[in-house]
């Protein structure tokens, strides 16, 4: 697959300088992966930043929010992964503003025009994130998506950082798969093969109170 990017300045130059500095990282080999990762670093002011994205297939102006995955590695970095369902031209826009700014709308700070050709492995939608996942600076290493058509679902590997969590588990219909904490990360496997093509919702959940059995949903997969 070939990806060509053209950077187009955002409409608000001052806000762009104030909010973030963007670096582009290419993840993996284009023969097998269909994602581009943008690393955005909040400036040394240390202010939290509100971030919203818009990802559009230019032909027909179709919005594709499910093909953008946003997460914060820590308080000073926001990362976006974008994937492409087919060849063509795409527009990726980033809107941002410091959290403390009282403005009601977020200004446009970055625009990218992207051409994709030779995409012989079309992407599938990313996992759905819940607000707590982003706010708490949780960070998912794998899986960013579950593709029932191409993935071996017998032992799906999970690796995630969940600050403050006491327990982390994957829930699938009537089964719970508890992850093990290794250093700062939670890791484990979930046997999801029997849920393939059933339309089941698979969630990643965290417990934050030692004497409580309640879990907060952080991520949701559909297979």
N, C-alpha and C. Protein backbone atom coordinates (compact mmCIF):
# COMPACT_ATOMS: atom_id res chain seq x y z
N UNK A 1 0.84 -1.19 0.00
CA UNK A 1 0.00 0.00 0.00
C UNK A 1 0.88 1.24 0.00
N UNK A 2 0.47 2.25 -0.74
CA UNK A 2 1.19 3.52 -0.78
C UNK A 2 0.32 4.61 -0.16
N UNK A 3 0.91 5.37 0.76
CA UNK A 3 0.20 6.47 1.40
C UNK A 3 0.98 7.76 1.18
N UNK A 4 0.33 8.76 0.63
CA UNK A 4 0.95 10.07 0.40
C UNK A 4 0.19 11.10 1.22
N UNK A 5 0.91 11.87 2.03
CA UNK A 5 0.27 12.87 2.88
C UNK A 5 0.69 14.27 2.49
N UNK A 6 -0.27 15.18 2.49
CA UNK A 6 0.01 16.60 2.27
C UNK A 6 -0.48 17.36 3.48
N UNK A 7 0.40 18.14 4.10
CA UNK A 7 0.01 18.91 5.28
C UNK A 7 -0.58 20.24 4.86
N UNK A 8 -1.76 20.55 5.39
CA UNK A 8 -2.42 21.83 5.13
C UNK A 8 -2.58 22.54 6.47
N UNK A 9 -2.10 23.76 6.57
CA UNK A 9 -2.14 24.49 7.83
C UNK A 9 -3.57 24.64 8.33
N UNK A 10 -3.71 24.56 9.66
CA UNK A 10 -5.01 24.81 10.27
C UNK A 10 -5.36 26.28 10.21
N UNK A 11 -6.59 26.58 10.49
CA UNK A 11 -7.06 27.96 10.38
C UNK A 11 -6.56 28.84 11.52
N UNK A 12 -6.21 28.21 12.65
CA UNK A 12 -5.80 29.00 13.81
C UNK A 12 -4.35 28.71 14.15
N UNK A 13 -3.43 29.51 13.60
CA UNK A 13 -1.99 29.28 13.79
C UNK A 13 -1.59 29.46 15.25
N UNK A 14 -2.13 30.49 15.94
CA UNK A 14 -1.77 30.74 17.32
C UNK A 14 -2.15 29.59 18.23
N UNK A 15 -3.33 29.05 18.00
CA UNK A 15 -3.78 27.92 18.82
C UNK A 15 -2.93 26.70 18.55
N UNK A 16 -2.55 26.50 17.29
CA UNK A 16 -1.72 25.34 16.94
C UNK A 16 -0.39 25.40 17.69
N UNK A 17 0.20 26.61 17.75
CA UNK A 17 1.47 26.76 18.45
C UNK A 17 1.29 26.56 19.95
N UNK A 18 0.15 26.96 20.47
CA UNK A 18 -0.12 26.91 21.90
C UNK A 18 -0.44 25.49 22.36
N UNK A 19 -1.12 24.75 21.53
CA UNK A 19 -1.64 23.45 21.95
C UNK A 19 -0.68 22.29 21.77
N UNK A 20 -0.11 22.16 20.56
CA UNK A 20 0.62 20.93 20.31
C UNK A 20 1.60 21.04 19.16
N UNK A 21 2.54 20.13 19.18
CA UNK A 21 3.53 20.00 18.13
C UNK A 21 3.39 18.61 17.54
N UNK A 22 3.12 18.52 16.26
CA UNK A 22 2.77 17.23 15.65
C UNK A 22 3.96 16.57 14.98
N UNK A 23 4.10 15.26 15.25
CA UNK A 23 5.09 14.44 14.57
C UNK A 23 4.37 13.25 13.93
N UNK A 24 4.78 12.88 12.75
CA UNK A 24 4.17 11.76 12.04
C UNK A 24 5.03 10.52 12.20
N UNK A 25 4.42 9.42 12.58
CA UNK A 25 5.12 8.16 12.68
C UNK A 25 4.42 7.12 11.82
N UNK A 26 5.19 6.38 11.04
CA UNK A 26 4.63 5.30 10.23
C UNK A 26 4.80 4.01 11.01
N UNK A 27 3.69 3.30 11.29
CA UNK A 27 3.75 2.08 12.09
C UNK A 27 3.81 0.86 11.19
N UNK A 28 4.82 0.05 11.39
CA UNK A 28 4.88 -1.25 10.73
C UNK A 28 5.17 -1.19 9.25
N UNK A 29 4.91 -2.30 8.60
CA UNK A 29 5.20 -2.47 7.17
C UNK A 29 3.93 -2.28 6.36
N UNK A 30 4.01 -1.50 5.30
CA UNK A 30 2.80 -1.19 4.53
C UNK A 30 2.22 -2.41 3.83
N UNK A 31 2.98 -3.50 3.72
CA UNK A 31 2.42 -4.69 3.08
C UNK A 31 1.42 -5.40 3.98
N UNK A 32 1.47 -5.11 5.29
CA UNK A 32 0.58 -5.81 6.21
C UNK A 32 -0.29 -4.89 7.05
N UNK A 33 0.13 -3.63 7.23
CA UNK A 33 -0.65 -2.73 8.08
C UNK A 33 -1.25 -1.61 7.26
N UNK A 34 -2.35 -1.09 7.76
CA UNK A 34 -3.02 -0.02 7.03
C UNK A 34 -3.29 1.16 7.96
N UNK A 35 -2.33 1.48 8.81
CA UNK A 35 -2.54 2.59 9.73
C UNK A 35 -1.40 3.59 9.66
N UNK A 36 -1.74 4.83 9.97
CA UNK A 36 -0.75 5.89 10.13
C UNK A 36 -0.95 6.44 11.53
N UNK A 37 0.13 6.66 12.26
CA UNK A 37 0.03 7.18 13.62
C UNK A 37 0.61 8.59 13.68
N UNK A 38 -0.16 9.50 14.28
CA UNK A 38 0.28 10.86 14.50
C UNK A 38 0.53 11.02 15.99
N UNK A 39 1.75 11.42 16.39
CA UNK A 39 2.04 11.68 17.80
C UNK A 39 1.99 13.17 18.05
N UNK A 40 1.18 13.61 18.98
CA UNK A 40 1.03 15.03 19.28
C UNK A 40 1.45 15.31 20.71
N UNK A 41 2.38 16.21 20.87
CA UNK A 41 2.93 16.49 22.19
C UNK A 41 2.46 17.86 22.68
N UNK A 42 1.79 17.87 23.84
CA UNK A 42 1.36 19.13 24.43
C UNK A 42 2.60 19.92 24.83
N UNK A 43 2.54 21.23 24.69
CA UNK A 43 3.70 22.05 24.98
C UNK A 43 4.05 22.02 26.46
N UNK A 44 5.20 22.57 26.82
CA UNK A 44 5.73 22.51 28.17
C UNK A 44 4.87 23.23 29.22
N UNK A 45 3.81 23.88 28.78
CA UNK A 45 2.90 24.52 29.73
C UNK A 45 2.24 23.49 30.63
N UNK A 46 2.17 22.23 30.16
CA UNK A 46 1.61 21.15 30.96
C UNK A 46 0.10 21.16 31.02
N UNK A 47 -0.55 21.97 30.20
CA UNK A 47 -2.01 22.06 30.23
C UNK A 47 -2.64 20.87 29.51
N UNK A 48 -3.73 20.34 30.10
CA UNK A 48 -4.49 19.33 29.39
C UNK A 48 -5.10 19.95 28.15
N UNK A 49 -5.27 19.15 27.11
CA UNK A 49 -5.77 19.66 25.85
C UNK A 49 -7.02 18.92 25.41
N UNK A 50 -8.06 19.68 25.07
CA UNK A 50 -9.24 19.08 24.48
C UNK A 50 -8.93 18.79 23.01
N UNK A 51 -9.26 17.59 22.56
CA UNK A 51 -8.95 17.21 21.18
C UNK A 51 -10.16 16.53 20.55
N UNK A 52 -10.48 16.96 19.33
CA UNK A 52 -11.53 16.32 18.52
C UNK A 52 -10.97 16.13 17.12
N UNK A 53 -11.32 15.02 16.47
CA UNK A 53 -10.86 14.78 15.11
C UNK A 53 -12.03 14.61 14.15
N UNK A 54 -11.72 14.79 12.87
CA UNK A 54 -12.69 14.53 11.81
C UNK A 54 -11.95 13.84 10.67
N UNK A 55 -12.42 12.65 10.31
CA UNK A 55 -11.79 11.85 9.27
C UNK A 55 -12.83 11.60 8.18
N UNK A 56 -12.51 12.03 6.96
CA UNK A 56 -13.50 12.01 5.88
C UNK A 56 -12.93 11.36 4.63
N UNK A 57 -13.73 10.50 3.98
CA UNK A 57 -13.40 10.02 2.64
C UNK A 57 -13.86 11.11 1.67
N UNK A 58 -12.92 11.66 0.93
CA UNK A 58 -13.23 12.85 0.11
C UNK A 58 -14.36 12.60 -0.88
N UNK A 59 -14.34 11.43 -1.51
CA UNK A 59 -15.43 11.10 -2.45
C UNK A 59 -16.72 10.91 -1.66
N UNK A 60 -17.64 11.81 -1.84
CA UNK A 60 -18.91 11.73 -1.13
C UNK A 60 -18.90 12.38 0.23
N UNK A 61 -17.74 12.88 0.67
CA UNK A 61 -17.61 13.53 1.98
C UNK A 61 -18.16 12.66 3.10
N UNK A 62 -17.88 11.37 3.04
CA UNK A 62 -18.37 10.44 4.06
C UNK A 62 -17.46 10.47 5.28
N UNK A 63 -18.05 10.72 6.46
CA UNK A 63 -17.27 10.74 7.69
C UNK A 63 -17.03 9.32 8.19
N UNK A 64 -15.82 9.08 8.70
CA UNK A 64 -15.42 7.73 9.12
C UNK A 64 -14.82 7.76 10.53
N UNK A 65 -15.60 8.13 11.53
CA UNK A 65 -15.05 8.23 12.89
C UNK A 65 -14.55 6.90 13.44
N UNK A 66 -15.13 5.78 12.96
CA UNK A 66 -14.73 4.46 13.48
C UNK A 66 -13.35 4.03 13.00
N UNK A 67 -12.77 4.79 12.06
CA UNK A 67 -11.43 4.47 11.56
C UNK A 67 -10.35 5.38 12.15
N UNK A 68 -10.69 6.04 13.27
CA UNK A 68 -9.73 6.85 14.01
C UNK A 68 -9.70 6.35 15.45
N UNK A 69 -8.50 6.13 15.98
CA UNK A 69 -8.35 5.70 17.37
C UNK A 69 -7.48 6.72 18.08
N UNK A 70 -8.02 7.33 19.14
CA UNK A 70 -7.32 8.39 19.87
C UNK A 70 -7.04 7.94 21.29
N UNK A 71 -5.80 8.13 21.73
CA UNK A 71 -5.47 7.81 23.11
C UNK A 71 -4.31 8.68 23.60
N UNK A 72 -4.21 8.80 24.93
CA UNK A 72 -3.15 9.58 25.54
C UNK A 72 -2.19 8.63 26.24
N UNK A 73 -0.92 8.71 25.88
CA UNK A 73 0.07 7.86 26.52
C UNK A 73 0.39 8.37 27.92
N UNK A 74 0.30 9.67 28.11
CA UNK A 74 0.49 10.31 29.41
C UNK A 74 -0.14 11.69 29.33
N UNK A 75 0.12 12.53 30.33
CA UNK A 75 -0.50 13.85 30.37
C UNK A 75 -0.01 14.77 29.26
N UNK A 76 1.10 14.42 28.61
CA UNK A 76 1.69 15.33 27.65
C UNK A 76 1.73 14.79 26.22
N UNK A 77 0.98 13.75 25.94
CA UNK A 77 1.02 13.22 24.58
C UNK A 77 -0.31 12.61 24.18
N UNK A 78 -0.79 13.00 23.01
CA UNK A 78 -2.00 12.42 22.43
C UNK A 78 -1.59 11.73 21.13
N UNK A 79 -2.09 10.51 20.93
CA UNK A 79 -1.75 9.78 19.71
C UNK A 79 -3.02 9.42 18.94
N UNK A 80 -2.93 9.54 17.62
CA UNK A 80 -4.04 9.16 16.75
C UNK A 80 -3.56 8.07 15.80
N UNK A 81 -4.34 7.02 15.67
CA UNK A 81 -4.09 6.01 14.63
C UNK A 81 -5.27 6.11 13.67
N UNK A 82 -4.98 6.16 12.38
CA UNK A 82 -6.05 6.20 11.39
C UNK A 82 -5.87 5.04 10.42
N UNK A 83 -6.97 4.50 9.95
CA UNK A 83 -6.93 3.35 9.05
C UNK A 83 -7.82 3.62 7.84
N UNK A 84 -7.58 2.87 6.77
CA UNK A 84 -8.24 3.18 5.50
C UNK A 84 -9.01 1.97 4.98
N UNK A 85 -10.33 2.09 4.84
CA UNK A 85 -11.15 0.97 4.38
C UNK A 85 -10.98 0.65 2.90
N UNK A 86 -10.47 1.61 2.12
CA UNK A 86 -10.28 1.39 0.68
C UNK A 86 -9.36 2.46 0.12
N UNK A 87 -8.99 2.29 -1.16
CA UNK A 87 -8.16 3.29 -1.82
C UNK A 87 -8.93 4.60 -1.98
N UNK A 88 -8.17 5.68 -2.16
CA UNK A 88 -8.81 6.96 -2.42
C UNK A 88 -8.17 8.09 -1.63
N UNK A 89 -8.81 9.25 -1.69
CA UNK A 89 -8.35 10.43 -0.98
C UNK A 89 -9.12 10.59 0.32
N UNK A 90 -8.38 10.94 1.37
CA UNK A 90 -8.98 11.14 2.69
C UNK A 90 -8.51 12.48 3.26
N UNK A 91 -9.33 13.03 4.15
CA UNK A 91 -8.96 14.26 4.85
C UNK A 91 -9.04 14.00 6.34
N UNK A 92 -7.93 14.27 7.04
CA UNK A 92 -7.87 14.09 8.49
C UNK A 92 -7.65 15.45 9.14
N UNK A 93 -8.57 15.85 10.01
CA UNK A 93 -8.51 17.15 10.66
C UNK A 93 -8.42 16.99 12.18
N UNK A 94 -7.64 17.87 12.80
CA UNK A 94 -7.50 17.88 14.25
C UNK A 94 -7.94 19.24 14.77
N UNK A 95 -8.82 19.22 15.76
CA UNK A 95 -9.29 20.43 16.42
C UNK A 95 -8.84 20.35 17.88
N UNK A 96 -8.27 21.43 18.41
CA UNK A 96 -7.73 21.36 19.77
C UNK A 96 -7.75 22.70 20.47
N UNK A 97 -7.80 22.62 21.80
CA UNK A 97 -7.84 23.81 22.62
C UNK A 97 -7.42 23.41 24.05
N UNK A 98 -6.66 24.24 24.75
CA UNK A 98 -6.34 23.94 26.15
C UNK A 98 -7.61 23.73 26.97
N UNK A 99 -7.59 22.76 27.87
CA UNK A 99 -8.76 22.40 28.66
C UNK A 99 -9.35 23.59 29.40
N UNK A 100 -8.50 24.49 29.86
CA UNK A 100 -8.96 25.62 30.67
C UNK A 100 -9.56 26.75 29.84
N UNK A 101 -9.43 26.68 28.51
CA UNK A 101 -9.96 27.74 27.66
C UNK A 101 -11.49 27.70 27.67
N UNK A 102 -12.16 28.82 27.91
CA UNK A 102 -13.63 28.83 28.01
C UNK A 102 -14.36 28.80 26.67
N UNK A 103 -13.65 28.86 25.57
CA UNK A 103 -14.31 28.88 24.26
C UNK A 103 -15.20 27.65 24.08
N UNK A 104 -16.35 27.84 23.42
CA UNK A 104 -17.32 26.76 23.25
C UNK A 104 -16.95 25.82 22.10
N UNK A 105 -16.24 26.32 21.10
CA UNK A 105 -15.87 25.48 19.96
C UNK A 105 -14.36 25.36 19.87
N UNK A 106 -13.90 24.20 19.39
CA UNK A 106 -12.47 23.95 19.25
C UNK A 106 -12.01 24.37 17.86
N UNK A 107 -10.96 25.20 17.75
CA UNK A 107 -10.48 25.63 16.44
C UNK A 107 -9.72 24.53 15.72
N UNK A 108 -9.72 24.62 14.41
CA UNK A 108 -9.00 23.67 13.56
C UNK A 108 -7.51 24.00 13.59
N UNK A 109 -6.67 23.03 14.04
CA UNK A 109 -5.24 23.31 14.16
C UNK A 109 -4.39 22.55 13.16
N UNK A 110 -4.87 21.41 12.67
CA UNK A 110 -4.11 20.65 11.67
C UNK A 110 -5.06 20.02 10.66
N UNK A 111 -4.61 19.97 9.38
CA UNK A 111 -5.35 19.28 8.32
C UNK A 111 -4.36 18.45 7.52
N UNK A 112 -4.75 17.22 7.21
CA UNK A 112 -3.92 16.38 6.34
C UNK A 112 -4.77 15.83 5.20
N UNK A 113 -4.25 15.94 3.99
CA UNK A 113 -4.88 15.33 2.83
C UNK A 113 -4.06 14.09 2.50
N UNK A 114 -4.72 12.95 2.45
CA UNK A 114 -4.03 11.66 2.34
C UNK A 114 -4.52 10.89 1.12
N UNK A 115 -3.59 10.43 0.30
CA UNK A 115 -3.94 9.58 -0.83
C UNK A 115 -3.48 8.15 -0.54
N UNK A 116 -4.38 7.20 -0.71
CA UNK A 116 -4.08 5.79 -0.46
C UNK A 116 -4.28 5.00 -1.75
N UNK A 117 -3.27 4.23 -2.15
CA UNK A 117 -3.37 3.37 -3.32
C UNK A 117 -2.79 2.00 -2.98
N UNK A 118 -3.25 0.97 -3.70
CA UNK A 118 -2.73 -0.39 -3.50
C UNK A 118 -3.07 -0.97 -2.14
N UNK A 119 -4.21 -0.59 -1.61
CA UNK A 119 -4.63 -1.06 -0.29
C UNK A 119 -5.27 -2.45 -0.41
N UNK A 120 -4.44 -3.48 -0.47
CA UNK A 120 -4.98 -4.82 -0.69
C UNK A 120 -5.44 -5.49 0.60
N UNK A 121 -5.23 -4.83 1.73
CA UNK A 121 -5.76 -5.34 2.99
C UNK A 121 -6.57 -4.24 3.67
N UNK A 122 -7.81 -4.05 3.26
CA UNK A 122 -8.64 -2.98 3.83
C UNK A 122 -8.74 -3.09 5.34
N UNK A 123 -8.76 -1.97 6.00
CA UNK A 123 -8.82 -1.93 7.45
C UNK A 123 -10.22 -2.25 7.95
N UNK A 124 -10.29 -2.62 9.22
CA UNK A 124 -11.57 -2.77 9.91
C UNK A 124 -11.63 -1.68 10.98
N UNK A 125 -12.82 -1.35 11.46
CA UNK A 125 -12.94 -0.28 12.46
C UNK A 125 -12.15 -0.57 13.73
N UNK A 126 -11.66 0.50 14.35
CA UNK A 126 -10.95 0.38 15.61
C UNK A 126 -11.92 0.10 16.75
N UNK A 127 -11.35 -0.27 17.89
CA UNK A 127 -12.13 -0.46 19.10
C UNK A 127 -12.76 0.88 19.51
N UNK A 128 -13.94 0.82 20.11
CA UNK A 128 -14.62 2.02 20.59
C UNK A 128 -14.08 2.36 21.98
N UNK A 129 -13.73 3.64 22.19
CA UNK A 129 -13.22 4.05 23.49
C UNK A 129 -14.29 4.81 24.28
N UNK A 130 -14.27 4.61 25.60
CA UNK A 130 -15.15 5.35 26.48
C UNK A 130 -14.39 6.53 27.09
N UNK A 131 -15.11 7.52 27.58
CA UNK A 131 -14.50 8.76 28.06
C UNK A 131 -13.44 8.51 29.12
N UNK A 132 -13.68 7.59 30.04
CA UNK A 132 -12.74 7.33 31.14
C UNK A 132 -11.40 6.83 30.61
N UNK A 133 -11.41 6.08 29.52
CA UNK A 133 -10.18 5.57 28.92
C UNK A 133 -9.27 6.74 28.54
N UNK A 134 -9.84 7.76 27.92
CA UNK A 134 -9.05 8.91 27.48
C UNK A 134 -8.67 9.80 28.65
N UNK A 135 -9.63 10.11 29.51
CA UNK A 135 -9.40 11.03 30.62
C UNK A 135 -8.32 10.52 31.57
N UNK A 136 -8.29 9.19 31.79
CA UNK A 136 -7.35 8.61 32.74
C UNK A 136 -5.99 8.26 32.13
N UNK A 137 -5.79 8.64 30.88
CA UNK A 137 -4.53 8.35 30.18
C UNK A 137 -4.25 6.85 30.11
N UNK A 138 -5.29 6.07 29.88
CA UNK A 138 -5.09 4.64 29.63
C UNK A 138 -4.43 4.50 28.25
N UNK A 139 -3.67 3.43 28.08
CA UNK A 139 -2.96 3.27 26.81
C UNK A 139 -3.03 1.81 26.36
N UNK A 140 -3.63 1.61 25.18
CA UNK A 140 -3.81 0.26 24.64
C UNK A 140 -2.71 -0.06 23.63
N UNK A 141 -2.00 -1.17 23.86
CA UNK A 141 -0.99 -1.63 22.91
C UNK A 141 -1.57 -2.67 21.96
N UNK A 142 -2.42 -3.55 22.48
CA UNK A 142 -3.08 -4.53 21.64
C UNK A 142 -4.27 -5.13 22.36
N UNK A 143 -5.31 -5.51 21.57
CA UNK A 143 -5.51 -5.27 20.14
C UNK A 143 -6.24 -3.95 19.90
N UNK A 144 -5.82 -3.23 18.85
CA UNK A 144 -6.52 -2.00 18.50
C UNK A 144 -7.84 -2.28 17.82
N UNK A 145 -7.98 -3.48 17.30
CA UNK A 145 -9.24 -3.93 16.68
C UNK A 145 -9.26 -5.45 16.71
N UNK A 146 -10.43 -6.02 16.53
CA UNK A 146 -10.56 -7.47 16.38
C UNK A 146 -11.30 -7.73 15.08
N UNK A 147 -10.62 -8.39 14.16
CA UNK A 147 -11.20 -8.71 12.86
C UNK A 147 -11.60 -10.18 12.84
N UNK A 148 -12.89 -10.51 12.91
CA UNK A 148 -13.32 -11.91 12.95
C UNK A 148 -13.00 -12.67 11.67
N UNK A 149 -12.73 -11.97 10.59
CA UNK A 149 -12.45 -12.63 9.32
C UNK A 149 -10.98 -13.02 9.16
N UNK A 150 -10.09 -12.31 9.86
CA UNK A 150 -8.66 -12.56 9.67
C UNK A 150 -7.91 -12.97 10.93
N UNK A 151 -8.49 -12.74 12.08
CA UNK A 151 -7.78 -13.00 13.33
C UNK A 151 -8.05 -14.39 13.87
N UNK A 152 -7.04 -14.94 14.52
CA UNK A 152 -7.20 -16.16 15.29
C UNK A 152 -7.77 -15.74 16.64
N UNK A 153 -9.02 -16.10 16.88
CA UNK A 153 -9.69 -15.63 18.09
C UNK A 153 -9.62 -16.61 19.25
N UNK A 154 -8.86 -17.68 19.10
CA UNK A 154 -8.75 -18.65 20.20
C UNK A 154 -8.05 -18.05 21.40
N UNK A 155 -7.01 -17.27 21.14
CA UNK A 155 -6.26 -16.65 22.23
C UNK A 155 -5.89 -15.22 21.82
N UNK A 156 -6.82 -14.31 21.99
CA UNK A 156 -6.59 -12.92 21.63
C UNK A 156 -5.79 -12.25 22.75
N UNK A 157 -4.65 -11.69 22.40
CA UNK A 157 -3.76 -11.08 23.39
C UNK A 157 -4.20 -9.64 23.70
N UNK A 158 -4.19 -9.32 24.97
CA UNK A 158 -4.50 -7.97 25.43
C UNK A 158 -3.31 -7.42 26.21
N UNK A 159 -2.97 -6.16 25.95
CA UNK A 159 -1.92 -5.47 26.69
C UNK A 159 -2.32 -4.01 26.80
N UNK A 160 -2.49 -3.54 28.04
CA UNK A 160 -3.03 -2.20 28.24
C UNK A 160 -2.50 -1.62 29.55
N UNK A 161 -2.34 -0.31 29.58
CA UNK A 161 -1.98 0.40 30.81
C UNK A 161 -3.24 1.11 31.32
N UNK A 162 -3.58 0.86 32.58
CA UNK A 162 -4.77 1.47 33.18
C UNK A 162 -4.38 2.05 34.53
N UNK A 163 -4.00 3.32 34.59
CA UNK A 163 -3.58 3.94 35.84
C UNK A 163 -4.65 3.84 36.93
N UNK A 164 -4.23 3.41 38.12
CA UNK A 164 -5.14 3.37 39.26
C UNK A 164 -6.01 2.14 39.37
N UNK A 165 -5.94 1.25 38.38
CA UNK A 165 -6.81 0.07 38.41
C UNK A 165 -6.30 -0.99 39.38
N UNK A 166 -7.23 -1.66 40.04
CA UNK A 166 -6.89 -2.77 40.93
C UNK A 166 -7.06 -4.09 40.19
N UNK A 167 -8.06 -4.15 39.32
CA UNK A 167 -8.29 -5.34 38.48
C UNK A 167 -8.67 -4.87 37.09
N UNK A 168 -8.27 -5.64 36.08
CA UNK A 168 -8.66 -5.37 34.70
C UNK A 168 -9.09 -6.69 34.08
N UNK A 169 -10.22 -6.67 33.38
CA UNK A 169 -10.74 -7.91 32.81
C UNK A 169 -11.47 -7.66 31.50
N UNK A 170 -11.47 -8.69 30.65
CA UNK A 170 -12.22 -8.68 29.40
C UNK A 170 -13.52 -9.43 29.64
N UNK A 171 -14.62 -8.83 29.23
CA UNK A 171 -15.94 -9.46 29.42
C UNK A 171 -16.55 -9.77 28.06
N UNK A 172 -16.97 -11.02 27.89
CA UNK A 172 -17.60 -11.46 26.64
C UNK A 172 -18.86 -12.24 26.98
N UNK A 173 -20.01 -11.62 26.84
CA UNK A 173 -21.32 -12.22 27.10
C UNK A 173 -21.39 -12.77 28.52
N UNK A 174 -21.06 -14.06 28.71
CA UNK A 174 -21.16 -14.68 30.03
C UNK A 174 -19.81 -15.09 30.59
N UNK A 175 -18.73 -14.61 30.01
CA UNK A 175 -17.40 -14.99 30.47
C UNK A 175 -16.55 -13.78 30.82
N UNK A 176 -15.70 -13.96 31.83
CA UNK A 176 -14.74 -12.94 32.24
C UNK A 176 -13.34 -13.51 32.09
N UNK A 177 -12.44 -12.74 31.49
CA UNK A 177 -11.04 -13.13 31.34
C UNK A 177 -10.20 -12.06 32.05
N UNK A 178 -9.65 -12.44 33.21
CA UNK A 178 -8.91 -11.48 34.03
C UNK A 178 -7.46 -11.36 33.55
N UNK A 179 -7.00 -10.12 33.43
CA UNK A 179 -5.64 -9.86 33.00
C UNK A 179 -4.71 -9.80 34.21
N UNK A 180 -3.42 -10.05 33.96
CA UNK A 180 -2.42 -10.05 35.03
C UNK A 180 -1.57 -8.79 34.92
N UNK A 181 -1.29 -8.18 36.06
CA UNK A 181 -0.47 -6.98 36.05
C UNK A 181 1.01 -7.34 35.98
N UNK A 182 1.69 -6.80 34.98
CA UNK A 182 3.12 -7.01 34.80
C UNK A 182 3.77 -5.64 34.68
N UNK A 183 4.40 -5.22 35.78
CA UNK A 183 4.94 -3.86 35.81
C UNK A 183 3.80 -2.86 35.81
N UNK A 184 3.80 -1.95 34.85
CA UNK A 184 2.74 -0.95 34.77
C UNK A 184 1.61 -1.37 33.82
N UNK A 185 1.76 -2.55 33.21
CA UNK A 185 0.80 -2.98 32.19
C UNK A 185 -0.03 -4.19 32.66
N UNK A 186 -1.21 -4.28 32.09
CA UNK A 186 -2.08 -5.43 32.32
C UNK A 186 -2.06 -6.28 31.05
N UNK A 187 -1.78 -7.57 31.22
CA UNK A 187 -1.65 -8.45 30.06
C UNK A 187 -2.40 -9.76 30.28
N UNK A 188 -2.82 -10.36 29.16
CA UNK A 188 -3.49 -11.65 29.24
C UNK A 188 -4.10 -12.02 27.91
N UNK A 189 -4.81 -13.14 27.90
CA UNK A 189 -5.44 -13.63 26.67
C UNK A 189 -6.91 -13.93 26.93
N UNK A 190 -7.70 -13.83 25.87
CA UNK A 190 -9.13 -14.14 25.96
C UNK A 190 -9.51 -15.07 24.82
N UNK A 191 -10.19 -16.16 25.16
CA UNK A 191 -10.65 -17.12 24.15
C UNK A 191 -12.00 -16.64 23.61
N UNK A 192 -11.97 -16.02 22.42
CA UNK A 192 -13.16 -15.38 21.87
C UNK A 192 -13.73 -16.08 20.65
N UNK A 193 -13.16 -17.23 20.29
CA UNK A 193 -13.56 -17.90 19.05
C UNK A 193 -15.05 -18.23 19.02
N UNK A 194 -15.61 -18.62 20.13
CA UNK A 194 -17.02 -19.04 20.13
C UNK A 194 -17.98 -17.87 19.92
N UNK A 195 -17.47 -16.65 20.03
CA UNK A 195 -18.32 -15.48 19.84
C UNK A 195 -18.22 -14.92 18.42
N UNK A 196 -17.39 -15.56 17.61
CA UNK A 196 -17.15 -15.07 16.25
C UNK A 196 -18.44 -14.99 15.45
N UNK A 197 -18.64 -13.87 14.75
CA UNK A 197 -19.79 -13.58 13.88
C UNK A 197 -21.14 -13.59 14.62
N UNK A 198 -21.11 -13.54 15.94
CA UNK A 198 -22.37 -13.52 16.69
C UNK A 198 -22.87 -12.10 16.93
N UNK A 199 -21.99 -11.11 16.64
CA UNK A 199 -22.34 -9.73 16.93
C UNK A 199 -22.17 -9.37 18.39
N UNK A 200 -21.46 -10.24 19.12
CA UNK A 200 -21.26 -10.02 20.56
C UNK A 200 -20.39 -8.79 20.82
N UNK A 201 -20.67 -8.11 21.92
CA UNK A 201 -19.86 -7.00 22.36
C UNK A 201 -18.82 -7.51 23.36
N UNK A 202 -17.57 -7.22 23.08
CA UNK A 202 -16.47 -7.60 23.96
C UNK A 202 -15.96 -6.33 24.61
N UNK A 203 -15.95 -6.27 25.93
CA UNK A 203 -15.52 -5.05 26.61
C UNK A 203 -14.29 -5.29 27.47
N UNK A 204 -13.47 -4.24 27.58
CA UNK A 204 -12.35 -4.25 28.51
C UNK A 204 -12.74 -3.34 29.66
N UNK A 205 -12.61 -3.85 30.87
CA UNK A 205 -13.17 -3.19 32.04
C UNK A 205 -12.14 -3.08 33.17
N UNK A 206 -12.31 -2.09 34.03
CA UNK A 206 -11.38 -1.91 35.15
C UNK A 206 -12.14 -1.71 36.45
N UNK A 207 -11.59 -2.30 37.51
CA UNK A 207 -12.10 -2.13 38.86
C UNK A 207 -11.11 -1.24 39.62
N UNK A 208 -11.63 -0.23 40.34
CA UNK A 208 -10.76 0.73 41.00
C UNK A 208 -10.88 0.72 42.52
N UNK A 209 -11.74 -0.13 43.07
CA UNK A 209 -11.93 -0.19 44.52
C UNK A 209 -11.75 -1.62 45.01
N UNK A 210 -10.89 -1.78 46.01
CA UNK A 210 -10.52 -3.11 46.49
C UNK A 210 -11.70 -3.93 46.97
N UNK A 211 -12.62 -3.29 47.65
CA UNK A 211 -13.76 -4.02 48.22
C UNK A 211 -15.02 -3.92 47.37
N UNK A 212 -14.87 -3.53 46.13
CA UNK A 212 -16.03 -3.40 45.25
C UNK A 212 -15.94 -4.40 44.09
N UNK A 213 -17.09 -4.85 43.65
CA UNK A 213 -17.14 -5.78 42.52
C UNK A 213 -17.56 -5.08 41.23
N UNK A 214 -17.68 -3.75 41.27
CA UNK A 214 -18.11 -3.02 40.08
C UNK A 214 -16.93 -2.70 39.17
N UNK A 215 -17.21 -2.71 37.89
CA UNK A 215 -16.19 -2.43 36.88
C UNK A 215 -16.67 -1.29 35.97
N UNK A 216 -15.72 -0.48 35.54
CA UNK A 216 -16.00 0.59 34.57
C UNK A 216 -15.58 0.12 33.19
N UNK A 217 -16.45 0.33 32.21
CA UNK A 217 -16.12 -0.05 30.84
C UNK A 217 -15.18 0.99 30.24
N UNK A 218 -14.07 0.52 29.66
CA UNK A 218 -13.09 1.41 29.03
C UNK A 218 -13.10 1.29 27.51
N UNK A 219 -13.26 0.06 27.01
CA UNK A 219 -13.20 -0.20 25.58
C UNK A 219 -14.28 -1.18 25.18
N UNK A 220 -14.71 -1.09 23.91
CA UNK A 220 -15.74 -2.02 23.43
C UNK A 220 -15.41 -2.46 22.00
N UNK A 221 -15.36 -3.79 21.81
CA UNK A 221 -15.14 -4.40 20.50
C UNK A 221 -16.43 -5.08 20.05
N UNK A 222 -16.63 -5.13 18.74
CA UNK A 222 -17.77 -5.87 18.18
C UNK A 222 -17.23 -6.93 17.23
N UNK A 223 -17.62 -8.19 17.49
CA UNK A 223 -17.20 -9.27 16.57
C UNK A 223 -18.40 -10.06 16.11
